Structure formats: C-alpha cells, structure tokens
C-alpha cells in the first residue's frame, strides 16, 4: 500500500497558505495529503485574499487554483504562482 504524500512535505509554499479545513471532521492541517479532495480555506500571502478550494485544485494540473471567475480572472489559468491567487495581480 502506498504511503500518502503530505502536502507540507512536498509543497511547503502552498501549505503555508492553508488556514483551516472547511466542513467535515476537522483534522490538523499537517495531515493534508497531495491527493486530498478536502476543502480548505486559503489566504494569499501577497494580497491576503481568502478563498476556499480543494487541496488538489491548488496543485499543478488542478482546475481551480484560486477563486475562479472573479475580477476578470482568465478563462485559461496561468500555472499557479505560489503566494498569489489568480486574482492577485501584485
């Protein structure tokens, strides 16, 4: 059986933006895995914008790396820039 990969070990900069889990049983953020579909509240380290999305959507290849469709966010998202949501243009 494959051991789950912890988000804190593989994507430290994205993990640093996690604030809390949303809904369901509340586990420590340190237990989040890269394949998790748990919803998490995130805060952009650049502009402090907050949003909720799944862990998998924040990772490369994810469909909603930030709040989709707000403030003219492009239909084809750029690769995630750690510390910035798609809506952060700072």
PDB file of N, CA and C in Angstrom:
ATOM      1  N   UNK A   1       0.841  -1.183   0.000  1.00  0.00           N
ATOM      2  CA  UNK A   1       0.000   0.000   0.000  1.00  0.00           C
ATOM      3  C   UNK A   1       0.887   1.247   0.000  1.00  0.00           C
ATOM      4  N   UNK A   2       0.540   2.185  -0.855  1.00  0.00           N
ATOM      5  CA  UNK A   2       1.324   3.408  -0.993  1.00  0.00           C
ATOM      6  C   UNK A   2       1.068   4.353   0.182  1.00  0.00           C
ATOM      7  N   UNK A   3       2.133   4.930   0.716  1.00  0.00           N
ATOM      8  CA  UNK A   3       2.021   5.895   1.804  1.00  0.00           C
ATOM      9  C   UNK A   3       1.579   7.237   1.246  1.00  0.00           C
ATOM     10  N   UNK A   4       0.557   7.890   1.847  1.00  0.00           N
ATOM     11  CA  UNK A   4       0.116   9.195   1.350  1.00  0.00           C
ATOM     12  C   UNK A   4       1.238  10.231   1.421  1.00  0.00           C
ATOM     13  N   UNK A   5       1.278  11.104   0.426  1.00  0.00           N
ATOM     14  CA  UNK A   5       2.270  12.172   0.391  1.00  0.00           C
ATOM     15  C   UNK A   5       1.683  13.401   1.075  1.00  0.00           C
ATOM     16  N   UNK A   6       2.353  13.886   2.095  1.00  0.00           N
ATOM     17  CA  UNK A   6       1.851  15.033   2.843  1.00  0.00           C
ATOM     18  C   UNK A   6       2.141  16.335   2.103  1.00  0.00           C
ATOM     19  N   UNK A   7       1.140  17.196   2.041  1.00  0.00           N
ATOM     20  CA  UNK A   7       1.265  18.480   1.376  1.00  0.00           C
ATOM     21  C   UNK A   7       2.394  19.303   1.998  1.00  0.00           C
ATOM     22  N   UNK A   8       2.516  19.277   3.298  1.00  0.00           N
ATOM     23  CA  UNK A   8       3.540  20.076   3.987  1.00  0.00           C
ATOM     24  C   UNK A   8       4.954  19.667   3.597  1.00  0.00           C
ATOM     25  N   UNK A   9       5.130  18.403   3.166  1.00  0.00           N
ATOM     26  CA  UNK A   9       6.453  17.909   2.793  1.00  0.00           C
ATOM     27  C   UNK A   9       6.805  18.195   1.338  1.00  0.00           C
ATOM     28  N   UNK A  10       5.804  18.239   0.461  1.00  0.00           N
ATOM     29  CA  UNK A  10       6.076  18.360  -0.974  1.00  0.00           C
ATOM     30  C   UNK A  10       5.789  19.740  -1.555  1.00  0.00           C
ATOM     31  N   UNK A  11       4.899  20.496  -0.944  1.00  0.00           N
ATOM     32  CA  UNK A  11       4.503  21.816  -1.456  1.00  0.00           C
ATOM     33  C   UNK A  11       4.422  22.799  -0.283  1.00  0.00           C
ATOM     34  N   UNK A  12       5.579  23.081   0.318  1.00  0.00           N
ATOM     35  CA  UNK A  12       5.619  23.899   1.532  1.00  0.00           C
ATOM     36  C   UNK A  12       5.017  25.286   1.339  1.00  0.00           C
ATOM     37  N   UNK A  13       5.250  25.908   0.197  1.00  0.00           N
ATOM     38  CA  UNK A  13       4.754  27.274  -0.011  1.00  0.00           C
ATOM     39  C   UNK A  13       3.236  27.302  -0.129  1.00  0.00           C
ATOM     40  N   UNK A  14       2.658  26.300  -0.765  1.00  0.00           N
ATOM     41  CA  UNK A  14       1.197  26.218  -0.844  1.00  0.00           C
ATOM     42  C   UNK A  14       0.638  25.867   0.533  1.00  0.00           C
ATOM     43  N   UNK A  15       1.280  24.933   1.220  1.00  0.00           N
ATOM     44  CA  UNK A  15       0.837  24.552   2.567  1.00  0.00           C
ATOM     45  C   UNK A  15       0.814  25.766   3.495  1.00  0.00           C
ATOM     46  N   UNK A  16       1.767  26.675   3.330  1.00  0.00           N
ATOM     47  CA  UNK A  16       1.848  27.861   4.193  1.00  0.00           C
ATOM     48  C   UNK A  16       0.634  28.776   4.036  1.00  0.00           C
ATOM     49  N   UNK A  17      -0.101  28.656   2.925  1.00  0.00           N
ATOM     50  CA  UNK A  17      -1.281  29.491   2.706  1.00  0.00           C
ATOM     51  C   UNK A  17      -2.560  28.880   3.279  1.00  0.00           C
ATOM     52  N   UNK A  18      -2.502  27.641   3.765  1.00  0.00           N
ATOM     53  CA  UNK A  18      -3.671  26.968   4.330  1.00  0.00           C
ATOM     54  C   UNK A  18      -4.013  27.561   5.697  1.00  0.00           C
ATOM     55  N   UNK A  19      -5.296  27.869   5.881  1.00  0.00           N
ATOM     56  CA  UNK A  19      -5.746  28.423   7.162  1.00  0.00           C
ATOM     57  C   UNK A  19      -6.484  27.400   8.009  1.00  0.00           C
ATOM     58  N   UNK A  20      -7.479  26.724   7.383  1.00  0.00           N
ATOM     59  CA  UNK A  20      -8.285  25.754   8.118  1.00  0.00           C
ATOM     60  C   UNK A  20      -9.069  24.894   7.138  1.00  0.00           C
ATOM     61  N   UNK A  21      -9.496  23.725   7.593  1.00  0.00           N
ATOM     62  CA  UNK A  21     -10.349  22.872   6.781  1.00  0.00           C
ATOM     63  C   UNK A  21     -11.769  23.416   6.841  1.00  0.00           C
ATOM     64  N   UNK A  22     -12.532  23.179   5.769  1.00  0.00           N
ATOM     65  CA  UNK A  22     -13.906  23.663   5.687  1.00  0.00           C
ATOM     66  C   UNK A  22     -14.840  22.458   5.668  1.00  0.00           C
ATOM     67  N   UNK A  23     -15.748  22.376   6.626  1.00  0.00           N
ATOM     68  CA  UNK A  23     -16.714  21.280   6.681  1.00  0.00           C
ATOM     69  C   UNK A  23     -16.073  19.950   7.020  1.00  0.00           C
ATOM     70  N   UNK A  24     -16.904  18.995   7.393  1.00  0.00           N
ATOM     71  CA  UNK A  24     -16.410  17.657   7.703  1.00  0.00           C
ATOM     72  C   UNK A  24     -15.607  17.629   8.989  1.00  0.00           C
ATOM     73  N   UNK A  25     -15.056  16.464   9.298  1.00  0.00           N
ATOM     74  CA  UNK A  25     -14.242  16.358  10.510  1.00  0.00           C
ATOM     75  C   UNK A  25     -12.998  17.229  10.409  1.00  0.00           C
ATOM     76  N   UNK A  26     -12.691  17.896  11.475  1.00  0.00           N
ATOM     77  CA  UNK A  26     -11.538  18.798  11.478  1.00  0.00           C
ATOM     78  C   UNK A  26     -10.297  18.048  11.947  1.00  0.00           C
ATOM     79  N   UNK A  27      -9.391  17.833  11.017  1.00  0.00           N
ATOM     80  CA  UNK A  27      -8.109  17.207  11.311  1.00  0.00           C
ATOM     81  C   UNK A  27      -7.038  18.292  11.269  1.00  0.00           C
ATOM     82  N   UNK A  28      -5.888  18.037  11.854  1.00  0.00           N
ATOM     83  CA  UNK A  28      -4.803  19.017  11.755  1.00  0.00           C
ATOM     84  C   UNK A  28      -4.394  19.226  10.300  1.00  0.00           C
ATOM     85  N   UNK A  29      -4.083  20.466   9.937  1.00  0.00           N
ATOM     86  CA  UNK A  29      -3.639  20.765   8.580  1.00  0.00           C
ATOM     87  C   UNK A  29      -2.399  19.955   8.210  1.00  0.00           C
ATOM     88  N   UNK A  30      -1.598  19.613   9.171  1.00  0.00           N
ATOM     89  CA  UNK A  30      -0.379  18.844   8.907  1.00  0.00           C
ATOM     90  C   UNK A  30      -0.673  17.467   8.330  1.00  0.00           C
ATOM     91  N   UNK A  31      -1.928  17.000   8.408  1.00  0.00           N
ATOM     92  CA  UNK A  31      -2.305  15.697   7.881  1.00  0.00           C
ATOM     93  C   UNK A  31      -2.829  15.760   6.445  1.00  0.00           C
ATOM     94  N   UNK A  32      -2.895  16.950   5.848  1.00  0.00           N
ATOM     95  CA  UNK A  32      -3.390  17.073   4.471  1.00  0.00           C
ATOM     96  C   UNK A  32      -2.442  16.368   3.506  1.00  0.00           C
ATOM     97  N   UNK A  33      -3.017  15.612   2.583  1.00  0.00           N
ATOM     98  CA  UNK A  33      -2.209  14.926   1.580  1.00  0.00           C
ATOM     99  C   UNK A  33      -2.381  15.594   0.222  1.00  0.00           C
ATOM    100  N   UNK A  34      -1.448  15.363  -0.678  1.00  0.00           N
ATOM    101  CA  UNK A  34      -1.495  15.985  -2.003  1.00  0.00           C
ATOM    102  C   UNK A  34      -2.679  15.492  -2.820  1.00  0.00           C
ATOM    103  N   UNK A  35      -3.226  14.338  -2.524  1.00  0.00           N
ATOM    104  CA  UNK A  35      -4.374  13.816  -3.261  1.00  0.00           C
ATOM    105  C   UNK A  35      -5.699  14.099  -2.594  1.00  0.00           C
ATOM    106  N   UNK A  36      -5.710  14.953  -1.585  1.00  0.00           N
ATOM    107  CA  UNK A  36      -6.921  15.209  -0.808  1.00  0.00           C
ATOM    108  C   UNK A  36      -7.930  16.057  -1.578  1.00  0.00           C
ATOM    109  N   UNK A  37      -9.191  15.673  -1.472  1.00  0.00           N
ATOM    110  CA  UNK A  37     -10.287  16.473  -2.015  1.00  0.00           C
ATOM    111  C   UNK A  37     -10.985  17.269  -0.927  1.00  0.00           C
ATOM    112  N   UNK A  38     -10.352  17.362   0.239  1.00  0.00           N
ATOM    113  CA  UNK A  38     -10.902  18.169   1.334  1.00  0.00           C
ATOM    114  C   UNK A  38     -10.837  19.642   0.972  1.00  0.00           C
ATOM    115  N   UNK A  39     -11.904  20.369   1.314  1.00  0.00           N
ATOM    116  CA  UNK A  39     -11.913  21.820   1.083  1.00  0.00           C
ATOM    117  C   UNK A  39     -11.166  22.505   2.219  1.00  0.00           C
ATOM    118  N   UNK A  40     -10.363  23.464   1.837  1.00  0.00           N
ATOM    119  CA  UNK A  40      -9.524  24.208   2.782  1.00  0.00           C
ATOM    120  C   UNK A  40      -9.701  25.691   2.500  1.00  0.00           C
ATOM    121  N   UNK A  41      -9.659  26.495   3.539  1.00  0.00           N
ATOM    122  CA  UNK A  41      -9.649  27.952   3.376  1.00  0.00           C
ATOM    123  C   UNK A  41      -8.190  28.369   3.245  1.00  0.00           C
ATOM    124  N   UNK A  42      -7.913  29.156   2.185  1.00  0.00           N
ATOM    125  CA  UNK A  42      -6.552  29.605   1.867  1.00  0.00           C
ATOM    126  C   UNK A  42      -6.478  31.120   1.970  1.00  0.00           C
ATOM    127  N   UNK A  43      -5.278  31.651   2.227  1.00  0.00           N
ATOM    128  CA  UNK A  43      -5.043  33.104   2.225  1.00  0.00           C
ATOM    129  C   UNK A  43      -3.801  33.378   1.396  1.00  0.00           C
ATOM    130  N   UNK A  44      -3.975  34.234   0.374  1.00  0.00           N
ATOM    131  CA  UNK A  44      -2.853  34.644  -0.465  1.00  0.00           C
ATOM    132  C   UNK A  44      -1.866  35.422   0.394  1.00  0.00           C
ATOM    133  N   UNK A  45      -0.596  35.057   0.328  1.00  0.00           N
ATOM    134  CA  UNK A  45       0.418  35.738   1.137  1.00  0.00           C
ATOM    135  C   UNK A  45       0.760  37.109   0.596  1.00  0.00           C
ATOM    136  N   UNK A  46       0.392  37.405  -0.660  1.00  0.00           N
ATOM    137  CA  UNK A  46       0.699  38.702  -1.246  1.00  0.00           C
ATOM    138  C   UNK A  46      -0.376  39.736  -0.941  1.00  0.00           C
ATOM    139  N   UNK A  47      -1.644  39.388  -1.242  1.00  0.00           N
ATOM    140  CA  UNK A  47      -2.720  40.380  -1.098  1.00  0.00           C
ATOM    141  C   UNK A  47      -3.683  40.054   0.039  1.00  0.00           C
ATOM    142  N   UNK A  48      -3.497  38.917   0.705  1.00  0.00           N
ATOM    143  CA  UNK A  48      -4.312  38.452   1.825  1.00  0.00           C
ATOM    144  C   UNK A  48      -5.749  38.104   1.437  1.00  0.00           C
ATOM    145  N   UNK A  49      -6.018  37.930   0.141  1.00  0.00           N
ATOM    146  CA  UNK A  49      -7.325  37.474  -0.311  1.00  0.00           C
ATOM    147  C   UNK A  49      -7.554  36.065   0.218  1.00  0.00           C
ATOM    148  N   UNK A  50      -8.780  35.760   0.670  1.00  0.00           N
ATOM    149  CA  UNK A  50      -9.107  34.427   1.177  1.00  0.00           C
ATOM    150  C   UNK A  50     -10.146  33.772   0.292  1.00  0.00           C
ATOM    151  N   UNK A  51     -10.028  32.450   0.131  1.00  0.00           N
ATOM    152  CA  UNK A  51     -10.997  31.666  -0.628  1.00  0.00           C
ATOM    153  C   UNK A  51     -10.915  30.226  -0.155  1.00  0.00           C
ATOM    154  N   UNK A  52     -11.905  29.420  -0.551  1.00  0.00           N
ATOM    155  CA  UNK A  52     -11.921  28.000  -0.215  1.00  0.00           C
ATOM    156  C   UNK A  52     -11.877  27.185  -1.496  1.00  0.00           C
ATOM    157  N   UNK A  53     -11.051  26.179  -1.507  1.00  0.00           N
ATOM    158  CA  UNK A  53     -10.978  25.226  -2.616  1.00  0.00           C
ATOM    159  C   UNK A  53     -10.320  23.958  -2.097  1.00  0.00           C
ATOM    160  N   UNK A  54     -10.338  22.924  -2.924  1.00  0.00           N
ATOM    161  CA  UNK A  54      -9.737  21.657  -2.504  1.00  0.00           C
ATOM    162  C   UNK A  54      -8.216  21.720  -2.620  1.00  0.00           C
ATOM    163  N   UNK A  55      -7.579  20.807  -1.928  1.00  0.00           N
ATOM    164  CA  UNK A  55      -6.119  20.716  -1.980  1.00  0.00           C
ATOM    165  C   UNK A  55      -5.678  20.400  -3.404  1.00  0.00           C
ATOM    166  N   UNK A  56      -6.313  19.418  -4.041  1.00  0.00           N
ATOM    167  CA  UNK A  56      -5.893  19.011  -5.380  1.00  0.00           C
ATOM    168  C   UNK A  56      -6.033  20.135  -6.391  1.00  0.00           C
ATOM    169  N   UNK A  57      -6.993  21.043  -6.190  1.00  0.00           N
ATOM    170  CA  UNK A  57      -7.158  22.139  -7.144  1.00  0.00           C
ATOM    171  C   UNK A  57      -6.045  23.177  -7.042  1.00  0.00           C
ATOM    172  N   UNK A  58      -5.328  23.203  -5.936  1.00  0.00           N
ATOM    173  CA  UNK A  58      -4.220  24.152  -5.768  1.00  0.00           C
ATOM    174  C   UNK A  58      -2.927  23.667  -6.405  1.00  0.00           C
ATOM    175  N   UNK A  59      -2.846  22.390  -6.680  1.00  0.00           N
ATOM    176  CA  UNK A  59      -1.606  21.811  -7.186  1.00  0.00           C
ATOM    177  C   UNK A  59      -1.544  21.897  -8.704  1.00  0.00           C
ATOM    178  N   UNK A  60      -0.352  21.792  -9.282  1.00  0.00           N
ATOM    179  CA  UNK A  60      -0.224  21.820 -10.743  1.00  0.00           C
ATOM    180  C   UNK A  60      -1.187  20.817 -11.386  1.00  0.00           C
ATOM    181  N   UNK A  61      -1.909  21.297 -12.400  1.00  0.00           N
ATOM    182  CA  UNK A  61      -2.899  20.461 -13.069  1.00  0.00           C
ATOM    183  C   UNK A  61      -4.278  20.573 -12.462  1.00  0.00           C
ATOM    184  N   UNK A  62      -4.393  21.268 -11.316  1.00  0.00           N
ATOM    185  CA  UNK A  62      -5.689  21.455 -10.677  1.00  0.00           C
ATOM    186  C   UNK A  62      -6.544  22.430 -11.468  1.00  0.00           C
ATOM    187  N   UNK A  63      -7.852  22.320 -11.319  1.00  0.00           N
ATOM    188  CA  UNK A  63      -8.757  23.130 -12.131  1.00  0.00           C
ATOM    189  C   UNK A  63      -9.110  24.470 -11.514  1.00  0.00           C
ATOM    190  N   UNK A  64      -8.946  24.633 -10.222  1.00  0.00           N
ATOM    191  CA  UNK A  64      -9.361  25.885  -9.573  1.00  0.00           C
ATOM    192  C   UNK A  64      -8.322  26.282  -8.549  1.00  0.00           C
ATOM    193  N   UNK A  65      -7.190  26.763  -9.013  1.00  0.00           N
ATOM    194  CA  UNK A  65      -6.092  27.076  -8.105  1.00  0.00           C
ATOM    195  C   UNK A  65      -6.380  28.282  -7.229  1.00  0.00           C
ATOM    196  N   UNK A  66      -7.428  29.030  -7.535  1.00  0.00           N
ATOM    197  CA  UNK A  66      -7.850  30.148  -6.699  1.00  0.00           C
ATOM    198  C   UNK A  66      -9.320  30.397  -6.965  1.00  0.00           C
ATOM    199  N   UNK A  67      -9.815  31.538  -6.592  1.00  0.00           N
ATOM    200  CA  UNK A  67     -11.215  31.861  -6.793  1.00  0.00           C
ATOM    201  C   UNK A  67     -11.454  32.049  -8.286  1.00  0.00           C
ATOM    202  N   UNK A  68     -12.197  31.148  -8.925  1.00  0.00           N
ATOM    203  CA  UNK A  68     -12.382  31.242 -10.371  1.00  0.00           C
ATOM    204  C   UNK A  68     -13.379  32.329 -10.765  1.00  0.00           C
ATOM    205  N   UNK A  69     -13.072  33.032 -11.827  1.00  0.00           N
ATOM    206  CA  UNK A  69     -14.006  33.971 -12.424  1.00  0.00           C
ATOM    207  C   UNK A  69     -14.135  35.319 -11.759  1.00  0.00           C
ATOM    208  N   UNK A  70     -13.440  35.561 -10.685  1.00  0.00           N
ATOM    209  CA  UNK A  70     -13.554  36.859 -10.020  1.00  0.00           C
ATOM    210  C   UNK A  70     -12.587  37.862 -10.613  1.00  0.00           C
ATOM    211  N   UNK A  71     -13.017  39.089 -10.701  1.00  0.00           N
ATOM    212  CA  UNK A  71     -12.165  40.196 -11.123  1.00  0.00           C
ATOM    213  C   UNK A  71     -11.463  39.947 -12.455  1.00  0.00           C
ATOM    214  N   UNK A  72     -12.189  39.336 -13.392  1.00  0.00           N
ATOM    215  CA  UNK A  72     -11.630  39.138 -14.723  1.00  0.00           C
ATOM    216  C   UNK A  72     -10.544  38.097 -14.794  1.00  0.00           C
ATOM    217  N   UNK A  73     -10.569  37.117 -13.899  1.00  0.00           N
ATOM    218  CA  UNK A  73      -9.568  36.045 -13.954  1.00  0.00           C
ATOM    219  C   UNK A  73      -9.655  35.368 -15.312  1.00  0.00           C
ATOM    220  N   UNK A  74      -8.533  35.074 -15.925  1.00  0.00           N
ATOM    221  CA  UNK A  74      -8.535  34.484 -17.261  1.00  0.00           C
ATOM    222  C   UNK A  74      -9.221  33.125 -17.296  1.00  0.00           C
ATOM    223  N   UNK A  75      -9.878  32.823 -18.431  1.00  0.00           N
ATOM    224  CA  UNK A  75     -10.540  31.531 -18.593  1.00  0.00           C
ATOM    225  C   UNK A  75      -9.518  30.401 -18.600  1.00  0.00           C
ATOM    226  N   UNK A  76      -8.368  30.633 -19.214  1.00  0.00           N
ATOM    227  CA  UNK A  76      -7.285  29.659 -19.205  1.00  0.00           C
ATOM    228  C   UNK A  76      -6.271  30.113 -18.162  1.00  0.00           C
ATOM    229  N   UNK A  77      -6.301  29.520 -16.969  1.00  0.00           N
ATOM    230  CA  UNK A  77      -5.425  29.997 -15.899  1.00  0.00           C
ATOM    231  C   UNK A  77      -3.953  29.758 -16.194  1.00  0.00           C
ATOM    232  N   UNK A  78      -3.155  30.687 -15.714  1.00  0.00           N
ATOM    233  CA  UNK A  78      -1.711  30.508 -15.764  1.00  0.00           C
ATOM    234  C   UNK A  78      -1.338  29.467 -14.720  1.00  0.00           C
ATOM    235  N   UNK A  79      -0.155  28.892 -14.819  1.00  0.00           N
ATOM    236  CA  UNK A  79       0.281  27.986 -13.748  1.00  0.00           C
ATOM    237  C   UNK A  79       0.260  28.739 -12.419  1.00  0.00           C
ATOM    238  N   UNK A  80      -0.007  28.047 -11.319  1.00  0.00           N
ATOM    239  CA  UNK A  80      -0.113  28.742 -10.040  1.00  0.00           C
ATOM    240  C   UNK A  80       1.183  29.438  -9.659  1.00  0.00           C
ATOM    241  N   UNK A  81       1.034  30.633  -9.154  1.00  0.00           N
ATOM    242  CA  UNK A  81       2.184  31.346  -8.613  1.00  0.00           C
ATOM    243  C   UNK A  81       2.023  31.315  -7.110  1.00  0.00           C
ATOM    244  N   UNK A  82       2.893  30.634  -6.463  1.00  0.00           N
ATOM    245  CA  UNK A  82       2.778  30.478  -5.023  1.00  0.00           C
ATOM    246  C   UNK A  82       2.786  31.852  -4.383  1.00  0.00           C
ATOM    247  N   UNK A  83       1.891  32.033  -3.420  1.00  0.00           N
ATOM    248  CA  UNK A  83       1.778  33.309  -2.744  1.00  0.00           C
ATOM    249  C   UNK A  83       0.810  34.244  -3.445  1.00  0.00           C
ATOM    250  N   UNK A  84       0.248  33.801  -4.580  1.00  0.00           N
ATOM    251  CA  UNK A  84      -0.696  34.649  -5.297  1.00  0.00           C
ATOM    252  C   UNK A  84      -1.864  33.813  -5.792  1.00  0.00           C
ATOM    253  N   UNK A  85      -3.054  34.321  -5.607  1.00  0.00           N
ATOM    254  CA  UNK A  85      -4.197  33.681  -6.221  1.00  0.00           C
ATOM    255  C   UNK A  85      -4.274  34.182  -7.656  1.00  0.00           C
ATOM    256  N   UNK A  86      -5.101  33.550  -8.486  1.00  0.00           N
ATOM    257  CA  UNK A  86      -5.239  34.007  -9.876  1.00  0.00           C
ATOM    258  C   UNK A  86      -5.762  35.428  -9.914  1.00  0.00           C
ATOM    259  N   UNK A  87      -6.418  35.857  -8.852  1.00  0.00           N
ATOM    260  CA  UNK A  87      -6.980  37.204  -8.837  1.00  0.00           C
ATOM    261  C   UNK A  87      -6.006  38.233  -8.288  1.00  0.00           C
ATOM    262  N   UNK A  88      -4.857  37.804  -7.816  1.00  0.00           N
ATOM    263  CA  UNK A  88      -3.868  38.715  -7.243  1.00  0.00           C
ATOM    264  C   UNK A  88      -2.916  39.161  -8.342  1.00  0.00           C
ATOM    265  N   UNK A  89      -2.862  40.447  -8.600  1.00  0.00           N
ATOM    266  CA  UNK A  89      -2.014  40.959  -9.657  1.00  0.00           C
ATOM    267  C   UNK A  89      -0.898  41.840  -9.117  1.00  0.00           C
ATOM    268  N   UNK A  90      -0.560  41.658  -7.844  1.00  0.00           N
ATOM    269  CA  UNK A  90       0.512  42.445  -7.231  1.00  0.00           C
ATOM    270  C   UNK A  90       1.862  41.879  -7.557  1.00  0.00           C
TER     271      UNK A  90
END
